[in-house]
Amino acid sequence: MVHWFAKDFPVGDWAYVQDAFENIIVRLGAPEAMMLISERRADGVERLYGCFPHPDMAKAFDGFAPVGESDLPRNPSLLVGNQTVYAERFGYHKH
């Protein structure tokens, strides 16, 4: 089972989250269950979604709140994670 968390950011103001997420993935040996995806909304906000194998891992990311599978975007952009797992979960979409 995986656990999803999300947080809204001004567009482009989340590079530090991506860097931290990449560092954790590398330290953990690139678990396939972890990924960071984004969805740019029309209101000028970008929502980042982090997928974790254990919910306590989200504590490293201030302000991320739990979300359900039904809250995930249909066509997100993959920022960090396994491309194959992303494609299986969301289907392949060109951006």
PDB file of N, CA and C in Angstrom:
ATOM      1  N   MET A   1       0.845  -1.186   0.000  1.00  0.00           N
ATOM      2  CA  MET A   1       0.000   0.000   0.000  1.00  0.00           C
ATOM      3  C   MET A   1       0.887   1.245   0.000  1.00  0.00           C
ATOM      4  N   VAL A   2       0.469   2.237  -0.756  1.00  0.00           N
ATOM      5  CA  VAL A   2       1.188   3.508  -0.787  1.00  0.00           C
ATOM      6  C   VAL A   2       0.304   4.594  -0.186  1.00  0.00           C
ATOM      7  N   HIS A   3       0.935   5.698   0.163  1.00  0.00           N
ATOM      8  CA  HIS A   3       0.246   6.805   0.820  1.00  0.00           C
ATOM      9  C   HIS A   3       0.569   8.080   0.052  1.00  0.00           C
ATOM     10  N   TRP A   4      -0.473   8.815  -0.300  1.00  0.00           N
ATOM     11  CA  TRP A   4      -0.320  10.046  -1.059  1.00  0.00           C
ATOM     12  C   TRP A   4      -0.544  11.262  -0.164  1.00  0.00           C
ATOM     13  N   PHE A   5       0.272  12.290  -0.413  1.00  0.00           N
ATOM     14  CA  PHE A   5       0.181  13.562   0.295  1.00  0.00           C
ATOM     15  C   PHE A   5       0.308  14.675  -0.735  1.00  0.00           C
ATOM     16  N   ALA A   6      -0.284  15.832  -0.458  1.00  0.00           N
ATOM     17  CA  ALA A   6      -0.254  16.925  -1.431  1.00  0.00           C
ATOM     18  C   ALA A   6      -0.090  18.269  -0.741  1.00  0.00           C
ATOM     19  N   LYS A   7       0.437  19.212  -1.517  1.00  0.00           N
ATOM     20  CA  LYS A   7       0.570  20.591  -1.049  1.00  0.00           C
ATOM     21  C   LYS A   7       0.581  21.508  -2.267  1.00  0.00           C
ATOM     22  N   ASP A   8      -0.041  22.687  -2.120  1.00  0.00           N
ATOM     23  CA  ASP A   8      -0.078  23.687  -3.180  1.00  0.00           C
ATOM     24  C   ASP A   8       1.101  24.645  -3.057  1.00  0.00           C
ATOM     25  N   PHE A   9       1.626  25.040  -4.225  1.00  0.00           N
ATOM     26  CA  PHE A   9       2.747  25.984  -4.308  1.00  0.00           C
ATOM     27  C   PHE A   9       2.473  26.979  -5.423  1.00  0.00           C
ATOM     28  N   PRO A  10       3.030  28.194  -5.308  1.00  0.00           N
ATOM     29  CA  PRO A  10       3.025  29.070  -6.482  1.00  0.00           C
ATOM     30  C   PRO A  10       3.823  28.371  -7.590  1.00  0.00           C
ATOM     31  N   VAL A  11       3.428  28.545  -8.834  1.00  0.00           N
ATOM     32  CA  VAL A  11       4.097  27.870  -9.944  1.00  0.00           C
ATOM     33  C   VAL A  11       5.601  28.139  -9.896  1.00  0.00           C
ATOM     34  N   GLY A  12       6.368  27.063  -9.958  1.00  0.00           N
ATOM     35  CA  GLY A  12       7.828  27.162  -9.989  1.00  0.00           C
ATOM     36  C   GLY A  12       8.495  27.379  -8.651  1.00  0.00           C
ATOM     37  N   ASP A  13       7.749  27.408  -7.562  1.00  0.00           N
ATOM     38  CA  ASP A  13       8.322  27.710  -6.249  1.00  0.00           C
ATOM     39  C   ASP A  13       8.461  26.449  -5.388  1.00  0.00           C
ATOM     40  N   TRP A  14       8.874  25.358  -6.004  1.00  0.00           N
ATOM     41  CA  TRP A  14       8.923  24.101  -5.274  1.00  0.00           C
ATOM     42  C   TRP A  14      10.193  23.293  -5.550  1.00  0.00           C
ATOM     43  N   ALA A  15      11.199  23.889  -6.153  1.00  0.00           N
ATOM     44  CA  ALA A  15      12.424  23.162  -6.506  1.00  0.00           C
ATOM     45  C   ALA A  15      13.078  22.521  -5.283  1.00  0.00           C
ATOM     46  N   TYR A  16      13.008  23.185  -4.135  1.00  0.00           N
ATOM     47  CA  TYR A  16      13.602  22.629  -2.923  1.00  0.00           C
ATOM     48  C   TYR A  16      12.910  21.332  -2.494  1.00  0.00           C
ATOM     49  N   VAL A  17      11.620  21.212  -2.776  1.00  0.00           N
ATOM     50  CA  VAL A  17      10.884  19.974  -2.454  1.00  0.00           C
ATOM     51  C   VAL A  17      11.369  18.857  -3.368  1.00  0.00           C
ATOM     52  N   GLN A  18      11.517  19.167  -4.636  1.00  0.00           N
ATOM     53  CA  GLN A  18      12.008  18.173  -5.584  1.00  0.00           C
ATOM     54  C   GLN A  18      13.412  17.702  -5.184  1.00  0.00           C
ATOM     55  N   ASP A  19      14.283  18.620  -4.814  1.00  0.00           N
ATOM     56  CA  ASP A  19      15.646  18.259  -4.390  1.00  0.00           C
ATOM     57  C   ASP A  19      15.624  17.349  -3.167  1.00  0.00           C
ATOM     58  N   ALA A  20      14.813  17.696  -2.177  1.00  0.00           N
ATOM     59  CA  ALA A  20      14.719  16.884  -0.961  1.00  0.00           C
ATOM     60  C   ALA A  20      14.168  15.495  -1.269  1.00  0.00           C
ATOM     61  N   PHE A  21      13.169  15.434  -2.134  1.00  0.00           N
ATOM     62  CA  PHE A  21      12.572  14.161  -2.505  1.00  0.00           C
ATOM     63  C   PHE A  21      13.596  13.279  -3.215  1.00  0.00           C
ATOM     64  N   GLU A  22      14.344  13.869  -4.143  1.00  0.00           N
ATOM     65  CA  GLU A  22      15.391  13.117  -4.847  1.00  0.00           C
ATOM     66  C   GLU A  22      16.431  12.581  -3.873  1.00  0.00           C
ATOM     67  N   ASN A  23      16.829  13.398  -2.907  1.00  0.00           N
ATOM     68  CA  ASN A  23      17.821  12.956  -1.929  1.00  0.00           C
ATOM     69  C   ASN A  23      17.326  11.765  -1.120  1.00  0.00           C
ATOM     70  N   ILE A  24      16.070  11.798  -0.716  1.00  0.00           N
ATOM     71  CA  ILE A  24      15.508  10.690   0.059  1.00  0.00           C
ATOM     72  C   ILE A  24      15.430   9.425  -0.795  1.00  0.00           C
ATOM     73  N   ILE A  25      15.002   9.559  -2.024  1.00  0.00           N
ATOM     74  CA  ILE A  25      14.918   8.388  -2.905  1.00  0.00           C
ATOM     75  C   ILE A  25      16.301   7.755  -3.084  1.00  0.00           C
ATOM     76  N   VAL A  26      17.300   8.569  -3.301  1.00  0.00           N
ATOM     77  CA  VAL A  26      18.656   8.044  -3.480  1.00  0.00           C
ATOM     78  C   VAL A  26      19.129   7.340  -2.212  1.00  0.00           C
ATOM     79  N   ARG A  27      18.929   7.968  -1.053  1.00  0.00           N
ATOM     80  CA  ARG A  27      19.350   7.353   0.215  1.00  0.00           C
ATOM     81  C   ARG A  27      18.664   6.021   0.474  1.00  0.00           C
ATOM     82  N   LEU A  28      17.420   5.886   0.016  1.00  0.00           N
ATOM     83  CA  LEU A  28      16.653   4.658   0.253  1.00  0.00           C
ATOM     84  C   LEU A  28      16.836   3.612  -0.844  1.00  0.00           C
ATOM     85  N   GLY A  29      17.670   3.895  -1.825  1.00  0.00           N
ATOM     86  CA  GLY A  29      17.902   2.924  -2.890  1.00  0.00           C
ATOM     87  C   GLY A  29      16.831   2.912  -3.961  1.00  0.00           C
ATOM     88  N   ALA A  30      16.198   4.036  -4.172  1.00  0.00           N
ATOM     89  CA  ALA A  30      15.193   4.223  -5.228  1.00  0.00           C
ATOM     90  C   ALA A  30      13.999   3.279  -5.125  1.00  0.00           C
ATOM     91  N   PRO A  31      13.265   3.343  -4.004  1.00  0.00           N
ATOM     92  CA  PRO A  31      12.069   2.500  -3.911  1.00  0.00           C
ATOM     93  C   PRO A  31      11.070   2.846  -5.016  1.00  0.00           C
ATOM     94  N   GLU A  32      10.570   1.825  -5.676  1.00  0.00           N
ATOM     95  CA  GLU A  32       9.654   2.048  -6.797  1.00  0.00           C
ATOM     96  C   GLU A  32       8.360   2.733  -6.375  1.00  0.00           C
ATOM     97  N   ALA A  33       7.954   2.541  -5.131  1.00  0.00           N
ATOM     98  CA  ALA A  33       6.678   3.101  -4.670  1.00  0.00           C
ATOM     99  C   ALA A  33       6.718   4.613  -4.498  1.00  0.00           C
ATOM    100  N   MET A  34       7.906   5.204  -4.445  1.00  0.00           N
ATOM    101  CA  MET A  34       7.996   6.646  -4.209  1.00  0.00           C
ATOM    102  C   MET A  34       7.994   7.415  -5.520  1.00  0.00           C
ATOM    103  N   MET A  35       7.203   8.466  -5.552  1.00  0.00           N
ATOM    104  CA  MET A  35       7.243   9.376  -6.695  1.00  0.00           C
ATOM    105  C   MET A  35       6.712  10.743  -6.281  1.00  0.00           C
ATOM    106  N   LEU A  36       7.149  11.742  -7.020  1.00  0.00           N
ATOM    107  CA  LEU A  36       6.670  13.103  -6.841  1.00  0.00           C
ATOM    108  C   LEU A  36       6.100  13.536  -8.182  1.00  0.00           C
ATOM    109  N   ILE A  37       4.838  13.933  -8.173  1.00  0.00           N
ATOM    110  CA  ILE A  37       4.161  14.364  -9.390  1.00  0.00           C
ATOM    111  C   ILE A  37       3.593  15.756  -9.174  1.00  0.00           C
ATOM    112  N   SER A  38       3.240  16.417 -10.263  1.00  0.00           N
ATOM    113  CA  SER A  38       2.660  17.758 -10.140  1.00  0.00           C
ATOM    114  C   SER A  38       1.514  17.938 -11.113  1.00  0.00           C
ATOM    115  N   GLU A  39       0.681  18.897 -10.746  1.00  0.00           N
ATOM    116  CA  GLU A  39      -0.439  19.306 -11.593  1.00  0.00           C
ATOM    117  C   GLU A  39      -0.531  20.822 -11.528  1.00  0.00           C
ATOM    118  N   ARG A  40      -0.416  21.465 -12.670  1.00  0.00           N
ATOM    119  CA  ARG A  40      -0.566  22.923 -12.727  1.00  0.00           C
ATOM    120  C   ARG A  40      -2.027  23.239 -12.926  1.00  0.00           C
ATOM    121  N   ARG A  41      -2.539  24.069 -12.036  1.00  0.00           N
ATOM    122  CA  ARG A  41      -3.961  24.418 -12.097  1.00  0.00           C
ATOM    123  C   ARG A  41      -4.148  25.773 -12.776  1.00  0.00           C
ATOM    124  N   ALA A  42      -5.355  26.024 -13.216  1.00  0.00           N
ATOM    125  CA  ALA A  42      -5.679  27.265 -13.930  1.00  0.00           C
ATOM    126  C   ALA A  42      -5.550  28.501 -13.041  1.00  0.00           C
ATOM    127  N   ASP A  43      -5.630  28.316 -11.721  1.00  0.00           N
ATOM    128  CA  ASP A  43      -5.579  29.461 -10.808  1.00  0.00           C
ATOM    129  C   ASP A  43      -4.148  29.897 -10.467  1.00  0.00           C
ATOM    130  N   GLY A  44      -3.151  29.384 -11.202  1.00  0.00           N
ATOM    131  CA  GLY A  44      -1.769  29.795 -10.970  1.00  0.00           C
ATOM    132  C   GLY A  44      -1.087  29.055  -9.838  1.00  0.00           C
ATOM    133  N   VAL A  45      -1.672  27.957  -9.439  1.00  0.00           N
ATOM    134  CA  VAL A  45      -1.119  27.149  -8.355  1.00  0.00           C
ATOM    135  C   VAL A  45      -0.658  25.818  -8.931  1.00  0.00           C
ATOM    136  N   GLU A  46       0.429  25.326  -8.407  1.00  0.00           N
ATOM    137  CA  GLU A  46       0.894  23.998  -8.776  1.00  0.00           C
ATOM    138  C   GLU A  46       0.778  23.106  -7.556  1.00  0.00           C
ATOM    139  N   ARG A  47       0.075  22.000  -7.706  1.00  0.00           N
ATOM    140  CA  ARG A  47      -0.088  21.060  -6.597  1.00  0.00           C
ATOM    141  C   ARG A  47       0.899  19.920  -6.793  1.00  0.00           C
ATOM    142  N   LEU A  48       1.721  19.699  -5.775  1.00  0.00           N
ATOM    143  CA  LEU A  48       2.634  18.573  -5.782  1.00  0.00           C
ATOM    144  C   LEU A  48       2.044  17.447  -4.959  1.00  0.00           C
ATOM    145  N   TYR A  49       2.199  16.230  -5.464  1.00  0.00           N
ATOM    146  CA  TYR A  49       1.725  15.025  -4.802  1.00  0.00           C
ATOM    147  C   TYR A  49       2.928  14.123  -4.566  1.00  0.00           C
ATOM    148  N   GLY A  50       3.119  13.722  -3.322  1.00  0.00           N
ATOM    149  CA  GLY A  50       4.177  12.787  -2.995  1.00  0.00           C
ATOM    150  C   GLY A  50       3.586  11.436  -2.640  1.00  0.00           C
ATOM    151  N   CYS A  51       4.178  10.393  -3.176  1.00  0.00           N
ATOM    152  CA  CYS A  51       3.746   9.026  -2.896  1.00  0.00           C
ATOM    153  C   CYS A  51       4.828   8.354  -2.050  1.00  0.00           C
ATOM    154  N   PHE A  52       4.420   7.814  -0.923  1.00  0.00           N
ATOM    155  CA  PHE A  52       5.357   7.217   0.030  1.00  0.00           C
ATOM    156  C   PHE A  52       4.917   5.803   0.401  1.00  0.00           C
ATOM    157  N   PRO A  53       5.892   4.897   0.621  1.00  0.00           N
ATOM    158  CA  PRO A  53       5.530   3.555   1.064  1.00  0.00           C
ATOM    159  C   PRO A  53       5.063   3.516   2.515  1.00  0.00           C
ATOM    160  N   HIS A  54       5.412   4.536   3.297  1.00  0.00           N
ATOM    161  CA  HIS A  54       4.985   4.621   4.695  1.00  0.00           C
ATOM    162  C   HIS A  54       4.573   6.064   4.984  1.00  0.00           C
ATOM    163  N   PRO A  55       3.433   6.275   5.650  1.00  0.00           N
ATOM    164  CA  PRO A  55       2.944   7.646   5.841  1.00  0.00           C
ATOM    165  C   PRO A  55       3.877   8.527   6.675  1.00  0.00           C
ATOM    166  N   ASP A  56       4.659   7.958   7.566  1.00  0.00           N
ATOM    167  CA  ASP A  56       5.569   8.778   8.378  1.00  0.00           C
ATOM    168  C   ASP A  56       6.632   9.474   7.539  1.00  0.00           C
ATOM    169  N   MET A  57       6.909   8.958   6.361  1.00  0.00           N
ATOM    170  CA  MET A  57       7.922   9.574   5.496  1.00  0.00           C
ATOM    171  C   MET A  57       7.508  10.968   5.055  1.00  0.00           C
ATOM    172  N   ALA A  58       6.223  11.238   5.011  1.00  0.00           N
ATOM    173  CA  ALA A  58       5.736  12.550   4.577  1.00  0.00           C
ATOM    174  C   ALA A  58       6.043  13.641   5.592  1.00  0.00           C
ATOM    175  N   LYS A  59       6.375  13.261   6.813  1.00  0.00           N
ATOM    176  CA  LYS A  59       6.700  14.252   7.840  1.00  0.00           C
ATOM    177  C   LYS A  59       7.918  15.085   7.469  1.00  0.00           C
ATOM    178  N   ALA A  60       8.749  14.584   6.572  1.00  0.00           N
ATOM    179  CA  ALA A  60       9.927  15.328   6.117  1.00  0.00           C
ATOM    180  C   ALA A  60       9.550  16.494   5.211  1.00  0.00           C
ATOM    181  N   PHE A  61       8.283  16.582   4.821  1.00  0.00           N
ATOM    182  CA  PHE A  61       7.821  17.603   3.886  1.00  0.00           C
ATOM    183  C   PHE A  61       6.731  18.438   4.540  1.00  0.00           C
ATOM    184  N   ASP A  62       7.124  19.560   5.086  1.00  0.00           N
ATOM    185  CA  ASP A  62       6.232  20.432   5.842  1.00  0.00           C
ATOM    186  C   ASP A  62       5.015  20.855   5.015  1.00  0.00           C
ATOM    187  N   GLY A  63       3.850  20.691   5.617  1.00  0.00           N
ATOM    188  CA  GLY A  63       2.626  21.178   5.006  1.00  0.00           C
ATOM    189  C   GLY A  63       1.937  20.214   4.063  1.00  0.00           C
ATOM    190  N   PHE A  64       2.543  19.080   3.753  1.00  0.00           N
ATOM    191  CA  PHE A  64       1.881  18.100   2.892  1.00  0.00           C
ATOM    192  C   PHE A  64       0.806  17.392   3.704  1.00  0.00           C
ATOM    193  N   ALA A  65      -0.387  17.299   3.130  1.00  0.00           N
ATOM    194  CA  ALA A  65      -1.534  16.682   3.805  1.00  0.00           C
ATOM    195  C   ALA A  65      -1.962  15.428   3.051  1.00  0.00           C
ATOM    196  N   PRO A  66      -2.492  14.444   3.773  1.00  0.00           N
ATOM    197  CA  PRO A  66      -2.920  13.210   3.113  1.00  0.00           C
ATOM    198  C   PRO A  66      -4.045  13.458   2.109  1.00  0.00           C
ATOM    199  N   VAL A  67      -3.981  12.747   0.994  1.00  0.00           N
ATOM    200  CA  VAL A  67      -5.044  12.765  -0.005  1.00  0.00           C
ATOM    201  C   VAL A  67      -5.327  11.323  -0.425  1.00  0.00           C
ATOM    202  N   GLY A  68      -6.527  11.099  -0.919  1.00  0.00           N
ATOM    203  CA  GLY A  68      -6.909   9.774  -1.376  1.00  0.00           C
ATOM    204  C   GLY A  68      -6.609   9.565  -2.843  1.00  0.00           C
ATOM    205  N   GLU A  69      -6.650   8.325  -3.255  1.00  0.00           N
ATOM    206  CA  GLU A  69      -6.441   7.984  -4.670  1.00  0.00           C
ATOM    207  C   GLU A  69      -7.384   8.769  -5.579  1.00  0.00           C
ATOM    208  N   SER A  70      -8.613   8.977  -5.124  1.00  0.00           N
ATOM    209  CA  SER A  70      -9.598   9.684  -5.954  1.00  0.00           C
ATOM    210  C   SER A  70      -9.258  11.166  -6.125  1.00  0.00           C
ATOM    211  N   ASP A  71      -8.356  11.698  -5.289  1.00  0.00           N
ATOM    212  CA  ASP A  71      -7.948  13.101  -5.382  1.00  0.00           C
ATOM    213  C   ASP A  71      -6.794  13.325  -6.359  1.00  0.00           C
ATOM    214  N   LEU A  72      -6.191  12.250  -6.851  1.00  0.00           N
ATOM    215  CA  LEU A  72      -5.032  12.379  -7.729  1.00  0.00           C
ATOM    216  C   LEU A  72      -5.450  12.889  -9.106  1.00  0.00           C
ATOM    217  N   PRO A  73      -4.586  13.691  -9.721  1.00  0.00           N
ATOM    218  CA  PRO A  73      -4.906  14.195 -11.060  1.00  0.00           C
ATOM    219  C   PRO A  73      -4.863  13.068 -12.092  1.00  0.00           C
ATOM    220  N   ARG A  74      -5.563  13.245 -13.178  1.00  0.00           N
ATOM    221  CA  ARG A  74      -5.598  12.226 -14.223  1.00  0.00           C
ATOM    222  C   ARG A  74      -4.357  12.248 -15.094  1.00  0.00           C
ATOM    223  N   ASN A  75      -3.754  13.414 -15.254  1.00  0.00           N
ATOM    224  CA  ASN A  75      -2.632  13.550 -16.178  1.00  0.00           C
ATOM    225  C   ASN A  75      -1.518  14.396 -15.553  1.00  0.00           C
ATOM    226  N   PRO A  76      -0.905  13.915 -14.468  1.00  0.00           N
ATOM    227  CA  PRO A  76       0.132  14.711 -13.822  1.00  0.00           C
ATOM    228  C   PRO A  76       1.461  14.612 -14.560  1.00  0.00           C
ATOM    229  N   SER A  77       2.368  15.485 -14.186  1.00  0.00           N
ATOM    230  CA  SER A  77       3.748  15.421 -14.669  1.00  0.00           C
ATOM    231  C   SER A  77       4.590  14.713 -13.616  1.00  0.00           C
ATOM    232  N   LEU A  78       5.444  13.808 -14.058  1.00  0.00           N
ATOM    233  CA  LEU A  78       6.362  13.123 -13.148  1.00  0.00           C
ATOM    234  C   LEU A  78       7.569  14.010 -12.915  1.00  0.00           C
ATOM    235  N   LEU A  79       7.847  14.327 -11.656  1.00  0.00           N
ATOM    236  CA  LEU A  79       9.017  15.128 -11.305  1.00  0.00           C
ATOM    237  C   LEU A  79      10.164  14.236 -10.838  1.00  0.00           C
ATOM    238  N   VAL A  80       9.842  13.262  -9.991  1.00  0.00           N
ATOM    239  CA  VAL A  80      10.840  12.337  -9.448  1.00  0.00           C
ATOM    240  C   VAL A  80      10.180  10.973  -9.305  1.00  0.00           C
ATOM    241  N   GLY A  81      10.879   9.946  -9.708  1.00  0.00           N
ATOM    242  CA  GLY A  81      10.360   8.599  -9.507  1.00  0.00           C
ATOM    243  C   GLY A  81      10.619   7.698 -10.692  1.00  0.00           C
ATOM    244  N   ASN A  82      10.127   6.496 -10.588  1.00  0.00           N
ATOM    245  CA  ASN A  82      10.312   5.467 -11.591  1.00  0.00           C
ATOM    246  C   ASN A  82       9.332   5.689 -12.741  1.00  0.00           C
ATOM    247  N   GLN A  83       9.859   5.893 -13.934  1.00  0.00           N
ATOM    248  CA  GLN A  83       9.024   6.179 -15.112  1.00  0.00           C
ATOM    249  C   GLN A  83       8.065   5.032 -15.410  1.00  0.00           C
ATOM    250  N   THR A  84       8.500   3.800 -15.231  1.00  0.00           N
ATOM    251  CA  THR A  84       7.648   2.644 -15.520  1.00  0.00           C
ATOM    252  C   THR A  84       6.472   2.581 -14.559  1.00  0.00           C
ATOM    253  N   VAL A  85       6.739   2.790 -13.275  1.00  0.00           N
ATOM    254  CA  VAL A  85       5.668   2.767 -12.276  1.00  0.00           C
ATOM    255  C   VAL A  85       4.690   3.907 -12.532  1.00  0.00           C
ATOM    256  N   TYR A  86       5.224   5.079 -12.864  1.00  0.00           N
ATOM    257  CA  TYR A  86       4.375   6.229 -13.206  1.00  0.00           C
ATOM    258  C   TYR A  86       3.469   5.898 -14.398  1.00  0.00           C
ATOM    259  N   ALA A  87       4.047   5.337 -15.441  1.00  0.00           N
ATOM    260  CA  ALA A  87       3.277   5.021 -16.648  1.00  0.00           C
ATOM    261  C   ALA A  87       2.200   3.980 -16.355  1.00  0.00           C
ATOM    262  N   GLU A  88       2.516   3.002 -15.510  1.00  0.00           N
ATOM    263  CA  GLU A  88       1.523   1.992 -15.148  1.00  0.00           C
ATOM    264  C   GLU A  88       0.376   2.607 -14.351  1.00  0.00           C
ATOM    265  N   ARG A  89       0.692   3.547 -13.466  1.00  0.00           N
ATOM    266  CA  ARG A  89      -0.326   4.149 -12.593  1.00  0.00           C
ATOM    267  C   ARG A  89      -1.181   5.168 -13.336  1.00  0.00           C
ATOM    268  N   PHE A  90      -0.539   6.005 -14.162  1.00  0.00           N
ATOM    269  CA  PHE A  90      -1.257   7.119 -14.789  1.00  0.00           C
ATOM    270  C   PHE A  90      -1.410   6.977 -16.302  1.00  0.00           C
ATOM    271  N   GLY A  91      -0.827   5.978 -16.877  1.00  0.00           N
ATOM    272  CA  GLY A  91      -0.842   5.843 -18.329  1.00  0.00           C
ATOM    273  C   GLY A  91       0.217   6.746 -18.919  1.00  0.00           C
ATOM    274  N   TYR A  92       0.609   6.506 -20.126  1.00  0.00           N
ATOM    275  CA  TYR A  92       1.635   7.315 -20.748  1.00  0.00           C
ATOM    276  C   TYR A  92       0.988   8.533 -21.395  1.00  0.00           C
ATOM    277  N   HIS A  93       1.475   9.709 -21.031  1.00  0.00           N
ATOM    278  CA  HIS A  93       0.968  10.957 -21.601  1.00  0.00           C
ATOM    279  C   HIS A  93       2.139  11.822 -21.993  1.00  0.00           C
ATOM    280  N   LYS A  94       2.120  12.352 -23.180  1.00  0.00           N
ATOM    281  CA  LYS A  94       3.135  13.321 -23.588  1.00  0.00           C
ATOM    282  C   LYS A  94       2.728  14.683 -23.060  1.00  0.00           C
ATOM    283  N   HIS A  95       3.688  15.426 -22.574  1.00  0.00           N
ATOM    284  CA  HIS A  95       3.419  16.768 -22.032  1.00  0.00           C
ATOM    285  C   HIS A  95       4.029  17.807 -22.937  1.00  0.00           C
TER     286      HIS A  95
END
